[in-house]
Protein backbone atom coordinates (compact mmCIF):
# COMPACT_ATOMS: atom_id res chain seq x y z
CA MET A 1 14.87 27.47 12.86
CA ASP A 2 17.58 28.07 10.31
CA ASN A 3 17.06 31.27 8.29
CA ILE A 4 18.07 29.54 5.09
CA ARG A 5 15.51 26.82 5.64
CA PHE A 6 12.88 29.51 6.20
CA VAL A 7 13.77 31.21 2.91
CA LEU A 8 13.66 27.84 1.14
CA VAL A 9 10.22 27.00 2.52
CA MET A 10 8.81 30.47 1.70
CA ALA A 11 10.16 30.27 -1.84
CA MET A 12 8.68 26.82 -2.41
CA LEU A 13 5.32 28.00 -1.06
CA MET A 14 5.39 30.99 -3.40
CA ILE A 15 6.23 28.80 -6.39
CA SER A 16 3.48 26.32 -5.47
CA TYR A 17 0.93 29.12 -5.17
CA MET A 18 1.92 30.56 -8.56
CA LEU A 19 1.66 27.14 -10.21
CA TRP A 20 -1.75 26.52 -8.59
CA GLU A 21 -3.02 29.93 -9.80
CA SER A 22 -1.82 29.20 -13.32
CA TRP A 23 -3.44 25.77 -13.30
CA GLN A 24 -6.76 27.19 -12.10
CA ILE A 25 -6.89 29.73 -14.93
CA ASP A 26 -5.53 27.47 -17.66
CA TYR A 27 -7.30 24.21 -16.74
CA GLY A 28 -10.00 25.15 -14.24
CA PRO A 29 -13.75 25.29 -15.07
CA LYS A 30 -14.59 27.68 -17.87
CA PRO A 31 -17.95 29.18 -18.89
CA GLN A 32 -19.81 28.07 -21.98
CA ALA A 33 -18.39 29.71 -25.09
CA LEU A 34 -20.33 32.43 -26.93
CA ILE A 35 -21.91 30.68 -29.89
CA SER A 36 -23.62 33.56 -31.64
CA ASP A 37 -21.60 35.37 -34.27
CA LYS A 38 -23.55 38.61 -33.78
CA PRO A 39 -23.54 41.05 -30.86
CA VAL A 40 -26.25 40.41 -28.30
CA VAL A 41 -27.67 42.61 -25.58
CA ALA A 42 -29.45 41.90 -22.35
CA GLY A 43 -33.04 42.36 -23.22
CA SER A 44 -36.51 41.33 -24.06
CA GLN A 45 -38.13 38.03 -24.91
CA GLY A 46 -39.11 39.34 -28.30
CA ALA A 47 -38.18 42.02 -30.74
CA GLY A 48 -38.54 44.91 -28.34
CA SER A 49 -40.36 47.71 -30.08
CA ALA A 50 -39.65 51.39 -29.93
CA ALA A 51 -42.72 51.83 -27.79
CA GLY A 52 -41.16 50.27 -24.73
CA PRO A 53 -39.67 47.19 -23.10
CA VAL A 54 -41.30 43.82 -23.05
CA SER A 55 -40.24 43.25 -19.41
CA GLN A 56 -41.05 45.76 -16.71
CA ASN A 57 -37.97 44.82 -14.64
CA PRO A 58 -34.44 44.93 -16.10
CA GLU A 59 -33.43 42.06 -13.79
CA GLN A 60 -35.91 39.77 -15.51
CA GLN A 61 -34.83 40.56 -19.08
CA THR A 62 -33.13 37.26 -19.81
CA GLY A 63 -33.92 36.39 -23.43
CA LYS A 64 -32.37 37.33 -26.76
CA PRO A 65 -33.96 39.98 -29.00
CA ALA A 66 -35.36 38.60 -32.24
CA ALA A 67 -34.12 41.51 -34.30
CA ILE A 68 -30.44 41.25 -33.41
CA ALA A 69 -29.37 41.66 -37.02
CA GLN A 70 -31.18 44.97 -37.27
CA SER A 71 -29.15 46.40 -34.40
CA LEU A 72 -26.03 46.04 -36.53
CA THR A 73 -27.42 48.46 -39.07
CA ASP A 74 -28.87 50.99 -36.62
CA GLN A 75 -27.47 54.47 -36.73
CA ILE A 76 -24.18 54.91 -34.86
CA ILE A 77 -23.33 58.28 -33.37
CA THR A 78 -19.58 58.91 -33.04
CA VAL A 79 -18.27 61.10 -30.24
CA LYS A 80 -14.67 62.15 -29.79
CA THR A 81 -13.06 64.02 -26.90
CA ASP A 82 -9.41 64.53 -26.05
CA VAL A 83 -9.31 61.22 -24.14
CA LEU A 84 -12.23 59.14 -25.48
CA SER A 85 -13.62 57.91 -28.78
CA ILE A 86 -17.15 56.53 -28.39
CA ASP A 87 -19.77 54.91 -30.59
CA ILE A 88 -23.35 55.31 -29.38
CA ASP A 89 -26.06 53.16 -30.93
CA THR A 90 -29.35 55.00 -31.42
CA ARG A 91 -31.06 51.74 -30.45
CA GLY A 92 -31.32 52.33 -26.73
CA GLY A 93 -28.54 54.93 -26.60
CA THR A 94 -26.14 52.09 -25.78
CA LEU A 95 -22.40 52.75 -25.66
CA VAL A 96 -21.21 49.98 -27.97
CA ASN A 97 -17.57 51.00 -28.43
CA LEU A 98 -15.28 53.11 -26.27
CA ASP A 99 -11.58 53.66 -26.99
CA LEU A 100 -9.13 55.12 -24.47
CA LEU A 101 -7.07 57.39 -26.72
CA LYS A 102 -4.26 57.94 -24.20
CA TYR A 103 -3.72 54.19 -23.67
CA THR A 104 -2.47 51.95 -26.46
CA HIS A 105 -2.11 48.19 -26.33
CA GLU A 106 1.65 48.40 -26.75
CA LYS A 107 4.31 51.05 -26.89
CA GLU A 108 7.07 51.62 -29.40
CA ASN A 109 10.50 51.20 -27.82
CA THR A 110 12.85 53.45 -29.78
CA PHE A 111 15.93 52.02 -28.06
CA VAL A 112 14.97 48.47 -29.07
CA ASN A 113 14.12 49.60 -32.61
CA ASP A 114 17.54 51.25 -32.95
CA ALA A 115 19.26 48.12 -31.57
CA TYR A 116 17.52 45.93 -34.14
CA ALA A 117 18.34 48.37 -36.94
CA LEU A 118 22.00 48.39 -35.86
CA VAL A 119 22.28 44.67 -36.59
CA GLY A 120 20.20 44.89 -39.76
CA LEU A 121 17.02 43.37 -38.35
CA LYS A 122 13.45 44.60 -38.20
CA ALA A 123 12.03 45.12 -34.73
CA PRO A 124 8.83 43.21 -33.83
CA GLU A 125 5.70 45.15 -34.75
CA LYS A 126 3.73 46.71 -31.93
CA ASP A 127 -0.03 47.08 -31.60
CA LEU A 128 -0.37 50.85 -31.26
CA SER A 129 -4.16 50.90 -31.38
CA PRO A 130 -5.95 52.37 -28.34
CA ILE A 131 -7.39 50.14 -25.62
CA ARG A 132 -11.04 49.38 -26.43
CA LEU A 133 -13.03 49.13 -23.21
CA PHE A 134 -16.61 48.83 -24.47
CA ASP A 135 -16.80 46.60 -27.52
CA ASN A 136 -19.64 45.24 -29.67
CA ASN A 137 -17.41 42.53 -31.12
CA PRO A 138 -19.03 39.21 -30.02
CA GLU A 139 -15.63 37.85 -28.96
CA HIS A 140 -15.08 40.79 -26.58
CA LEU A 141 -18.67 41.89 -25.95
CA PHE A 142 -18.91 44.68 -23.38
CA LEU A 143 -21.73 47.26 -23.48
CA ALA A 144 -22.99 50.11 -21.29
CA GLN A 145 -26.78 50.12 -21.39
CA SER A 146 -29.41 52.38 -19.86
CA GLY A 147 -33.14 52.83 -20.13
CA LEU A 148 -36.48 53.47 -18.46
CA VAL A 149 -38.98 50.95 -17.17
CA SER A 150 -42.63 51.86 -16.58
CA SER A 151 -44.19 50.75 -13.32
CA GLU A 152 -47.61 50.46 -14.96
CA ASN A 153 -48.38 47.81 -17.57
CA SER A 154 -50.42 50.20 -19.66
CA ALA A 155 -47.67 52.82 -19.85
CA VAL A 156 -44.70 52.94 -22.18
CA ALA A 157 -41.02 53.67 -21.61
CA PRO A 158 -37.91 53.56 -23.81
CA ASP A 159 -35.65 50.74 -22.68
CA HIS A 160 -32.29 49.88 -24.26
CA HIS A 161 -34.05 48.50 -27.35
CA ALA A 162 -36.05 51.64 -28.10
CA VAL A 163 -34.86 53.57 -31.16
CA PHE A 164 -33.83 57.16 -30.47
CA ILE A 165 -33.29 59.98 -32.93
CA ALA A 166 -30.07 62.01 -33.01
CA GLY A 167 -29.63 65.50 -34.42
CA GLN A 168 -26.32 64.60 -36.11
CA ASN A 169 -24.09 61.60 -36.75
CA ALA A 170 -20.83 62.89 -35.25
CA TYR A 171 -19.80 65.07 -32.33
CA ALA A 172 -16.32 66.26 -31.38
CA LEU A 173 -14.94 68.29 -28.51
CA GLN A 174 -13.41 71.32 -30.19
CA GLU A 175 -10.26 73.18 -29.22
CA GLY A 176 -11.06 75.47 -26.29
CA GLN A 177 -14.33 73.66 -25.59
CA ASP A 178 -14.60 72.13 -22.11
CA GLN A 179 -17.90 70.30 -22.40
CA LEU A 180 -19.86 68.44 -25.05
CA SER A 181 -23.51 67.34 -24.92
CA VAL A 182 -25.02 64.66 -27.14
CA PRO A 183 -28.86 64.56 -27.05
CA LEU A 184 -30.97 61.62 -28.27
CA THR A 185 -34.76 61.84 -28.37
CA TRP A 186 -37.62 59.33 -28.29
CA ARG A 187 -41.37 59.92 -28.47
CA ASP A 188 -44.49 57.77 -28.48
CA GLU A 189 -47.82 58.47 -30.06
CA ASP A 190 -49.54 59.20 -26.73
CA GLY A 191 -47.37 62.21 -26.02
CA LEU A 192 -44.55 60.89 -23.82
CA ARG A 193 -41.20 62.41 -24.81
CA VAL A 194 -37.80 61.30 -23.46
CA THR A 195 -34.51 63.08 -24.14
CA LYS A 196 -31.38 61.14 -23.27
CA ILE A 197 -28.40 63.49 -22.91
CA PHE A 198 -24.81 62.29 -22.63
CA THR A 199 -22.31 64.86 -21.33
CA PHE A 200 -18.55 64.65 -21.91
CA LYS A 201 -15.89 66.88 -20.33
CA ARG A 202 -12.35 67.65 -21.38
CA GLY A 203 -9.77 65.34 -19.82
CA SER A 204 -12.48 63.34 -18.04
CA TYR A 205 -13.40 59.66 -18.10
CA VAL A 206 -16.75 60.39 -16.46
CA ILE A 207 -19.77 60.50 -18.78
CA GLY A 208 -22.86 62.24 -17.45
CA LEU A 209 -26.31 60.85 -18.30
CA GLU A 210 -29.65 62.65 -18.01
CA GLN A 211 -32.99 61.20 -19.07
CA LYS A 212 -35.55 64.00 -19.24
CA ILE A 213 -39.20 63.01 -19.38
CA GLN A 214 -41.90 65.33 -20.74
CA ASN A 215 -45.36 63.90 -20.13
CA GLU A 216 -47.90 65.28 -22.59
CA SER A 217 -50.09 62.19 -22.36
CA ALA A 218 -53.51 61.97 -20.73
CA LYS A 219 -52.34 60.32 -17.47
CA PRO A 220 -49.39 60.50 -15.04
CA TRP A 221 -46.33 58.44 -15.90
CA VAL A 222 -44.66 56.33 -13.21
CA GLY A 223 -41.36 54.58 -13.80
CA ARG A 224 -37.72 54.12 -12.95
CA GLN A 225 -34.30 54.39 -14.58
CA TYR A 226 -31.84 51.50 -14.85
CA ASP A 227 -28.17 51.49 -15.79
CA GLN A 228 -26.27 48.28 -16.44
CA LEU A 229 -23.09 46.81 -17.87
CA LEU A 230 -23.27 43.69 -20.02
CA ARG A 231 -20.20 41.60 -20.71
CA ILE A 232 -19.01 38.16 -21.65
CA GLU A 233 -16.39 36.76 -19.30
CA HIS A 234 -13.14 38.66 -19.55
CA SER A 235 -9.72 37.47 -18.44
CA ASP A 236 -6.68 39.73 -18.43
CA LYS A 237 -3.83 38.31 -20.46
CA ASN A 238 -0.63 39.60 -18.92
CA ASN A 239 2.84 39.18 -20.36
CA ASN A 240 3.52 36.22 -18.08
CA ASN A 241 1.71 33.35 -16.42
CA PHE A 242 2.69 34.29 -12.86
CA ILE A 243 0.74 37.55 -12.42
CA ARG A 244 -3.01 37.25 -12.09
CA THR A 245 -5.36 40.17 -11.47
CA TYR A 246 -9.07 40.16 -10.68
CA SER A 247 -11.51 40.66 -13.53
CA GLY A 248 -15.23 40.68 -12.82
CA GLY A 249 -18.09 42.52 -11.19
CA VAL A 250 -17.95 44.82 -8.17
CA VAL A 251 -20.56 46.63 -6.09
CA TYR A 252 -19.92 49.32 -3.49
CA THR A 253 -22.39 50.43 -0.81
CA ASP A 254 -21.90 52.15 2.54
CA LYS A 255 -23.25 49.10 4.31
CA GLU A 256 -21.32 46.28 2.61
CA LYS A 257 -18.46 48.41 1.27
CA PHE A 258 -16.45 46.93 -1.63
CA LYS A 259 -17.87 43.59 -2.78
CA LYS A 260 -16.44 41.45 -5.59
CA ILE A 261 -18.87 39.38 -7.64
CA LYS A 262 -17.22 36.84 -9.92
CA TYR A 263 -18.83 36.08 -13.27
CA GLU A 264 -19.88 32.62 -12.16
CA ASP A 265 -21.62 34.14 -9.10
CA MET A 266 -23.75 36.60 -11.08
CA GLY A 267 -26.26 33.87 -11.80
CA GLU A 268 -27.23 33.96 -8.12
CA ASN A 269 -29.12 37.19 -8.88
CA LEU A 270 -27.67 39.66 -6.39
CA SER A 271 -30.26 42.00 -4.90
CA ILE A 272 -29.04 44.86 -2.68
CA SER A 273 -30.77 48.15 -1.82
CA ALA A 274 -28.63 50.98 -0.49
CA GLN A 275 -28.29 54.73 -0.36
CA GLY A 276 -25.84 55.88 -3.01
CA GLY A 277 -23.14 53.40 -4.04
CA TRP A 278 -22.16 52.18 -7.49
CA SER A 279 -21.79 49.00 -9.57
CA GLY A 280 -19.18 48.11 -12.16
CA MET A 281 -16.84 45.69 -13.84
CA ILE A 282 -13.10 45.90 -13.43
CA GLN A 283 -9.99 44.47 -15.04
CA HIS A 284 -6.27 45.04 -14.81
CA TYR A 285 -5.58 48.79 -15.01
CA PHE A 286 -9.12 49.78 -16.16
CA ALA A 287 -12.61 50.02 -14.69
CA SER A 288 -16.17 50.79 -15.74
CA ALA A 289 -18.87 51.76 -13.25
CA TRP A 290 -22.38 53.19 -13.27
CA ILE A 291 -22.74 55.72 -10.44
CA PRO A 292 -26.35 56.64 -9.57
CA PRO A 293 -27.13 59.73 -7.44
CA ALA A 294 -25.77 59.43 -3.90
CA ASP A 295 -28.87 60.97 -2.34
CA GLN A 296 -31.33 58.28 -3.46
CA GLU A 297 -32.07 54.65 -2.59
CA ASN A 298 -30.66 52.46 -5.37
CA HIS A 299 -31.26 48.78 -6.02
CA TYR A 300 -28.27 46.75 -7.29
CA TYR A 301 -28.64 43.52 -9.23
CA THR A 302 -26.75 40.93 -11.25
CA LYS A 303 -27.93 38.43 -13.84
CA GLU A 304 -26.46 35.65 -15.96
CA LEU A 305 -28.02 35.65 -19.44
CA ASN A 306 -27.92 33.24 -22.36
CA ASP A 307 -24.63 32.59 -24.18
CA SER A 308 -22.52 33.33 -21.08
CA ARG A 309 -23.42 36.99 -20.89
CA TYR A 310 -23.33 38.71 -17.52
CA VAL A 311 -25.14 41.82 -16.33
CA ILE A 312 -24.52 44.05 -13.33
CA GLY A 313 -26.40 47.26 -12.69
CA SER A 314 -28.84 49.26 -10.63
CA TYR A 315 -32.25 50.85 -10.88
CA SER A 316 -33.66 53.95 -9.21
CA PRO A 317 -36.78 54.48 -7.09
CA ASP A 318 -40.03 55.17 -8.96
CA LEU A 319 -40.58 58.69 -10.20
CA THR A 320 -44.05 60.09 -10.92
CA VAL A 321 -44.33 62.60 -13.76
CA PRO A 322 -47.74 64.30 -13.75
CA VAL A 323 -49.71 65.19 -16.87
CA ASN A 324 -48.01 68.12 -18.65
CA GLY A 325 -45.17 67.78 -16.17
CA GLU A 326 -41.47 66.98 -16.41
CA GLY A 327 -39.09 64.63 -14.60
CA VAL A 328 -35.34 63.94 -14.72
CA PHE A 329 -33.22 60.89 -13.97
CA LYS A 330 -29.48 61.34 -13.55
CA SER A 331 -26.45 59.05 -13.29
CA GLU A 332 -22.78 58.96 -14.24
CA LEU A 333 -20.65 56.41 -16.03
CA PHE A 334 -16.94 56.08 -15.31
CA ALA A 335 -14.94 54.29 -18.01
CA GLY A 336 -11.19 54.65 -17.90
CA PRO A 337 -7.86 53.96 -16.17
CA LYS A 338 -7.72 53.20 -12.45
CA ILE A 339 -5.84 56.34 -11.38
CA GLN A 340 -6.50 56.56 -7.65
CA PRO A 341 -6.72 60.36 -7.21
CA VAL A 342 -9.16 60.48 -10.15
CA LEU A 343 -11.24 57.63 -8.75
CA GLU A 344 -11.37 59.19 -5.28
CA ALA A 345 -12.68 62.44 -6.76
CA THR A 346 -15.35 60.61 -8.80
CA ALA A 347 -17.23 58.55 -6.18
CA PRO A 348 -16.72 57.22 -2.64
CA GLY A 349 -14.99 53.85 -2.68
CA LEU A 350 -14.27 53.90 -6.41
CA GLU A 351 -10.53 53.92 -5.69
CA LEU A 352 -10.97 50.40 -4.27
CA THR A 353 -11.19 49.13 -7.85
CA VAL A 354 -7.41 49.31 -7.59
CA ASP A 355 -7.44 45.89 -6.01
CA TYR A 356 -4.96 45.38 -3.16
CA SER A 357 -7.28 42.87 -1.49
CA TRP A 358 -6.70 42.42 2.28
CA LEU A 359 -3.45 44.40 2.12
CA THR A 360 -5.19 47.67 1.18
CA VAL A 361 -4.48 49.25 4.57
CA ILE A 362 -0.72 48.89 3.93
CA ALA A 363 -0.71 49.27 0.14
CA LYS A 364 -2.56 52.60 -0.01
CA PRO A 365 0.10 54.49 2.01
CA ILE A 366 2.80 52.90 -0.15
CA TYR A 367 1.02 54.12 -3.30
CA TRP A 368 0.68 57.58 -1.74
CA LEU A 369 4.42 57.63 -1.08
CA LEU A 370 5.20 56.39 -4.60
CA ASN A 371 2.97 59.08 -6.10
CA LYS A 372 4.49 61.82 -3.93
CA ILE A 373 8.05 60.88 -4.88
CA HIS A 374 7.06 60.79 -8.56
CA GLY A 375 5.70 64.32 -8.16
CA TYR A 376 9.22 65.47 -7.26
CA VAL A 377 11.40 63.36 -9.58
CA GLY A 378 9.04 62.95 -12.57
CA ASN A 379 10.19 59.39 -13.26
CA TRP A 380 8.33 56.31 -12.02
CA GLY A 381 11.49 54.20 -12.05
CA LEU A 382 13.24 56.67 -9.75
CA ALA A 383 10.08 56.76 -7.63
CA ILE A 384 10.31 52.97 -7.19
CA LEU A 385 13.94 53.34 -6.10
CA GLY A 386 12.93 56.11 -3.68
CA VAL A 387 10.20 54.00 -2.09
CA THR A 388 12.63 51.10 -1.73
CA PHE A 389 15.16 53.35 0.05
CA ILE A 390 12.52 54.67 2.45
CA ILE A 391 11.13 51.21 3.28
CA LYS A 392 14.64 49.88 3.89
CA ALA A 393 15.32 52.85 6.17
CA LEU A 394 12.09 52.28 8.14
CA PHE A 395 13.00 48.63 8.68
CA PHE A 396 16.68 49.25 9.29
CA LYS A 397 16.62 48.19 12.95
CA LEU A 398 14.73 45.00 12.15
CA SER A 399 17.08 44.25 9.25
CA LYS A 400 20.05 44.97 11.47
CA ALA A 401 18.84 42.43 14.04
CA SER A 402 18.33 39.87 11.28
CA TYR A 403 21.77 40.42 9.75
CA GLN A 404 23.45 40.37 13.16
CA SER A 405 21.84 37.03 13.87
CA MET A 406 22.94 35.66 10.49
CA ALA A 407 26.47 36.98 11.03
CA LYS A 408 26.70 35.16 14.37
CA MET A 409 25.29 32.04 12.76
CA ARG A 410 27.90 32.28 10.04
CA LYS A 411 30.67 32.63 12.65
CA ILE A 412 29.74 29.38 14.42
CA GLN A 413 29.01 27.50 11.19
CA PRO A 414 32.35 25.63 11.12
CA ARG A 415 31.81 24.38 14.69
CA LEU A 416 28.27 23.29 13.85
CA LYS A 417 29.73 21.33 10.93
CA GLU A 418 32.14 19.62 13.31
CA LEU A 419 29.27 18.70 15.64
CA GLN A 420 27.32 17.28 12.73
CA ASP A 421 30.26 15.11 11.68
CA ARG A 422 30.89 14.00 15.27
CA TYR A 423 27.28 13.00 15.91
CA ALA A 424 26.36 11.89 12.41
CA ASP A 425 24.72 8.75 13.80
CA ASP A 426 23.02 10.40 16.78
CA ARG A 427 20.61 13.11 15.65
CA GLN A 428 19.23 13.72 19.15
CA LYS A 429 22.68 14.27 20.62
CA PHE A 430 23.56 16.62 17.78
CA ASN A 431 20.45 18.73 18.42
CA THR A 432 21.23 18.89 22.14
CA GLU A 433 24.82 19.99 21.54
CA MET A 434 23.72 22.49 18.88
CA MET A 435 21.25 24.17 21.26
CA SER A 436 23.95 24.30 23.95
CA MET A 437 26.26 26.05 21.50
CA TYR A 438 23.51 28.55 20.61
CA LYS A 439 23.10 29.30 24.31
CA ARG A 440 26.85 29.74 24.94
CA GLU A 441 27.35 31.98 21.93
CA LYS A 442 24.11 33.92 22.60
CA VAL A 443 22.79 33.07 19.16
CA ASN A 444 19.04 33.09 18.54
CA PRO A 445 18.26 30.70 15.65
CA LEU A 446 14.98 32.56 15.09
CA GLY A 447 16.64 35.96 15.12
CA GLY A 448 17.26 35.93 11.40
CA CYS A 449 13.77 35.01 10.25
CA LEU A 450 11.43 36.80 12.67
CA PRO A 451 12.38 40.32 11.47
CA ILE A 452 11.90 39.12 7.89
CA MET A 453 8.45 37.74 8.70
CA VAL A 454 7.38 41.14 10.08
CA GLN A 455 8.40 42.80 6.81
CA ILE A 456 6.68 40.27 4.51
CA PRO A 457 3.24 42.03 4.46
CA VAL A 458 4.93 45.30 3.48
CA PHE A 459 6.90 43.68 0.67
CA ILE A 460 3.80 41.88 -0.64
CA SER A 461 1.86 45.17 -0.49
CA LEU A 462 4.56 46.93 -2.47
CA TYR A 463 4.43 44.08 -5.00
CA TRP A 464 0.69 44.65 -5.52
CA VAL A 465 1.13 48.42 -5.71
CA LEU A 466 3.60 47.98 -8.56
CA ILE A 467 1.30 45.44 -10.27
CA GLU A 468 -1.91 47.50 -9.94
CA THR A 469 -0.64 51.04 -10.58
CA VAL A 470 -1.77 52.04 -14.06
CA GLU A 471 0.63 55.01 -14.02
CA LEU A 472 3.51 52.54 -14.36
CA ARG A 473 1.97 51.14 -17.54
CA GLN A 474 4.21 52.18 -20.46
CA ALA A 475 6.16 54.52 -18.16
CA ASP A 476 9.79 55.25 -19.09
CA PHE A 477 12.74 54.62 -16.79
CA PHE A 478 15.92 55.02 -18.85
CA LEU A 479 17.61 53.68 -21.99
CA TRP A 480 15.97 50.40 -23.06
CA ILE A 481 13.48 50.30 -20.14
CA GLN A 482 10.66 52.33 -21.69
CA ASP A 483 7.76 50.43 -20.14
CA LEU A 484 7.98 49.56 -16.45
CA SER A 485 4.91 47.30 -16.72
CA ALA A 486 6.51 45.11 -19.42
CA GLN A 487 9.36 42.65 -19.18
CA ASP A 488 12.89 43.77 -19.94
CA PRO A 489 13.30 43.35 -23.74
CA PHE A 490 16.97 42.39 -23.34
CA TYR A 491 16.59 40.51 -20.00
CA LEU A 492 19.44 42.51 -18.47
CA LEU A 493 17.55 43.44 -15.28
CA PRO A 494 16.66 39.80 -14.43
CA ILE A 495 20.30 38.78 -14.94
CA LEU A 496 21.43 41.65 -12.70
CA TYR A 497 18.87 40.50 -10.14
CA GLY A 498 20.33 36.98 -10.24
CA ILE A 499 23.82 38.39 -9.62
CA THR A 500 22.65 40.40 -6.59
CA MET A 501 20.85 37.34 -5.22
CA LYS A 502 24.04 35.27 -5.61
CA ILE A 503 26.10 37.91 -3.81
CA GLN A 504 23.55 38.14 -1.01
CA GLN A 505 23.48 34.37 -0.73
CA GLY A 506 27.25 34.39 -0.22
CA LEU A 507 26.82 36.63 2.82
CA ASN A 508 24.35 34.26 4.49
CA PRO A 509 25.43 31.28 6.60
CA ALA A 510 25.58 28.20 4.38
CA PRO A 511 23.29 25.30 5.26
CA ILE A 512 24.95 22.44 7.12
CA ASP A 513 23.01 19.89 5.10
CA PRO A 514 24.88 19.30 1.78
CA LEU A 515 21.62 18.71 -0.10
CA GLN A 516 20.22 22.02 1.13
CA ALA A 517 23.44 23.73 0.12
CA LYS A 518 23.17 22.36 -3.44
CA VAL A 519 19.53 23.42 -3.72
CA MET A 520 20.36 26.91 -2.46
CA LYS A 521 23.01 27.31 -5.15
CA LEU A 522 20.29 26.80 -7.76
CA PHE A 523 18.05 29.54 -6.35
CA PRO A 524 19.69 32.50 -8.17
CA ILE A 525 19.27 30.63 -11.46
CA ILE A 526 15.67 29.60 -10.74
CA PHE A 527 14.57 33.08 -9.72
CA THR A 528 16.41 34.70 -12.62
CA VAL A 529 14.36 32.51 -14.98
CA PHE A 530 11.14 33.53 -13.18
CA PHE A 531 12.05 37.20 -13.33
CA LEU A 532 12.69 37.06 -17.07
CA PHE A 533 8.92 37.37 -17.50
CA PHE A 534 8.16 39.80 -14.66
CA PRO A 535 7.44 43.51 -15.26
CA SER A 536 10.69 45.45 -15.27
CA GLY A 537 9.39 47.77 -12.52
CA LEU A 538 9.14 44.81 -10.15
CA VAL A 539 12.58 43.51 -11.09
CA LEU A 540 13.98 47.02 -10.59
CA TYR A 541 12.56 47.08 -7.07
CA TRP A 542 14.12 43.71 -6.18
CA ILE A 543 17.52 44.71 -7.59
CA CYS A 544 17.49 47.87 -5.48
CA ASN A 545 16.24 45.99 -2.41
CA ASN A 546 18.91 43.27 -2.81
CA SER A 547 21.67 45.84 -3.37
CA LEU A 548 20.75 47.76 -0.22
CA SER A 549 20.52 44.49 1.71
CA ILE A 550 23.99 43.47 0.48
CA ILE A 551 25.47 46.78 1.69
CA GLN A 552 23.74 46.52 5.07
CA GLN A 553 24.61 42.88 5.58
CA TRP A 554 28.23 43.30 4.49
CA TYR A 555 28.72 46.21 6.86
CA ILE A 556 27.05 44.52 9.83
CA THR A 557 28.85 41.20 9.25
CA LYS A 558 32.19 42.99 8.99
CA HIS A 559 31.42 45.02 12.11
CA ILE A 560 30.55 41.93 14.17
CA LEU A 561 33.66 40.06 13.00
CA ALA A 562 35.79 43.10 13.87
CA GLU A 563 34.22 43.21 17.34
CA ASP A 564 34.98 39.51 17.87
CA THR A 565 38.61 40.01 16.79
CA HIS A 566 38.93 42.97 19.16
CA HIS A 567 37.50 40.98 22.09
CA ALA A 568 39.80 38.05 21.28
CA HIS A 569 42.82 40.32 21.70
């Protein structure tokens, strides 16, 4: 098999896959649009009083509350730490808004601004507002809800519709303060008192939740805690149409490990019981997950509600609180960037929200290497170059075999052309003579492509590492490249990539077929156009990879030709 033909086929397959992915997202089946112009929450069939939930099981709460409008005017408690800005609704203690203060939608590029100013133009405005993860805007609805459900019909419990009372309207983590607690209280007329305490720590995206129950009623209280995320369908909108990342539900348990649950599958009402684990919703770069205690049996569920709202969550085992006794439910909520060391320290398996799919076993070591190099050089662009150098070094022997095979193929190319002209009308004879020539010259037609095929999983893994690594988001490289996750504002890197591809193409044996040769000449132009819209970090990798390949191939080709000249003499 000709190496050029292999490259052509692989490229066409890649293009076809990208086009199919784009078509699926742009024209594939879509969920019913959200009709209501007010925020909705997963909840009761009726108004949902402060005394307790209408439904005794959060999985069965499928209707819309009658008093939706009232929830808009409920008291909002604002909380601000060094990394988070949160709005907590006293109705249910629901986190209705959460801003990631260290992560803005876009980044100012001072180099680009200066370039525009130099020619008397105004640079395009950037959206410098922080990323909003939880959001009570109906168009982006995403809420973190929690509550209690009584296991006895006669008992009461504050679900996520119950109105709590807060001691103050605003809380802020002060300078020198490492921890902040925000208590909300609820009480019924029979003597049951619940205190919901949110705990925030400096520099942390983990929010602690405690629900303390004081039973001063005349009978024991039996119930459970539930934590859930409610969201309308979310789709990440990247800077180009060729990069798609998973957005949807996920559940992790020791038994089933990491399990993706697409929005359209949540209507199947997942029901899993497991020790420990967690449930969440993920998107490109960011994740949210409720993490119940690891030492208890937790039940995980999903639900599709009205107006294309989706719920994923878990509830705890029943807890009995005796008369004049106390009980405590605990859980944690992670809401932040998918930084792997942080995720690993938060909960087992949470780092899998950085979605490398089936290539995780290869991609995780590559990320580790990338992170280690960054620790030394302090620049993610240089770290990408370092990883590329190391991978090329590891595969040097395979690459050498590939380039040697291509060099030999290039040497006999003129004679193959003569054979083709001689047997233009006899394809079978041409193939026979061509294989005889391969045998005489000790040329393996598969020698050029087999080493490349071995390396493909590594290159694809590196691709996903660069796509999924949130640390590259808005990371500087040098000069005008001030965001490695965004496309080159001046398109210089894609053009440079096209040049390196053209040079590398010139070192490969040209196809015998004239049509193939013409198509191959278009490849540098086609891929340059594609790369115009790719993140600059990815383009940087390919430029470095191509440049190293050019040096290797040039040296090996020259060495083989020199050996042939020496043997001829």
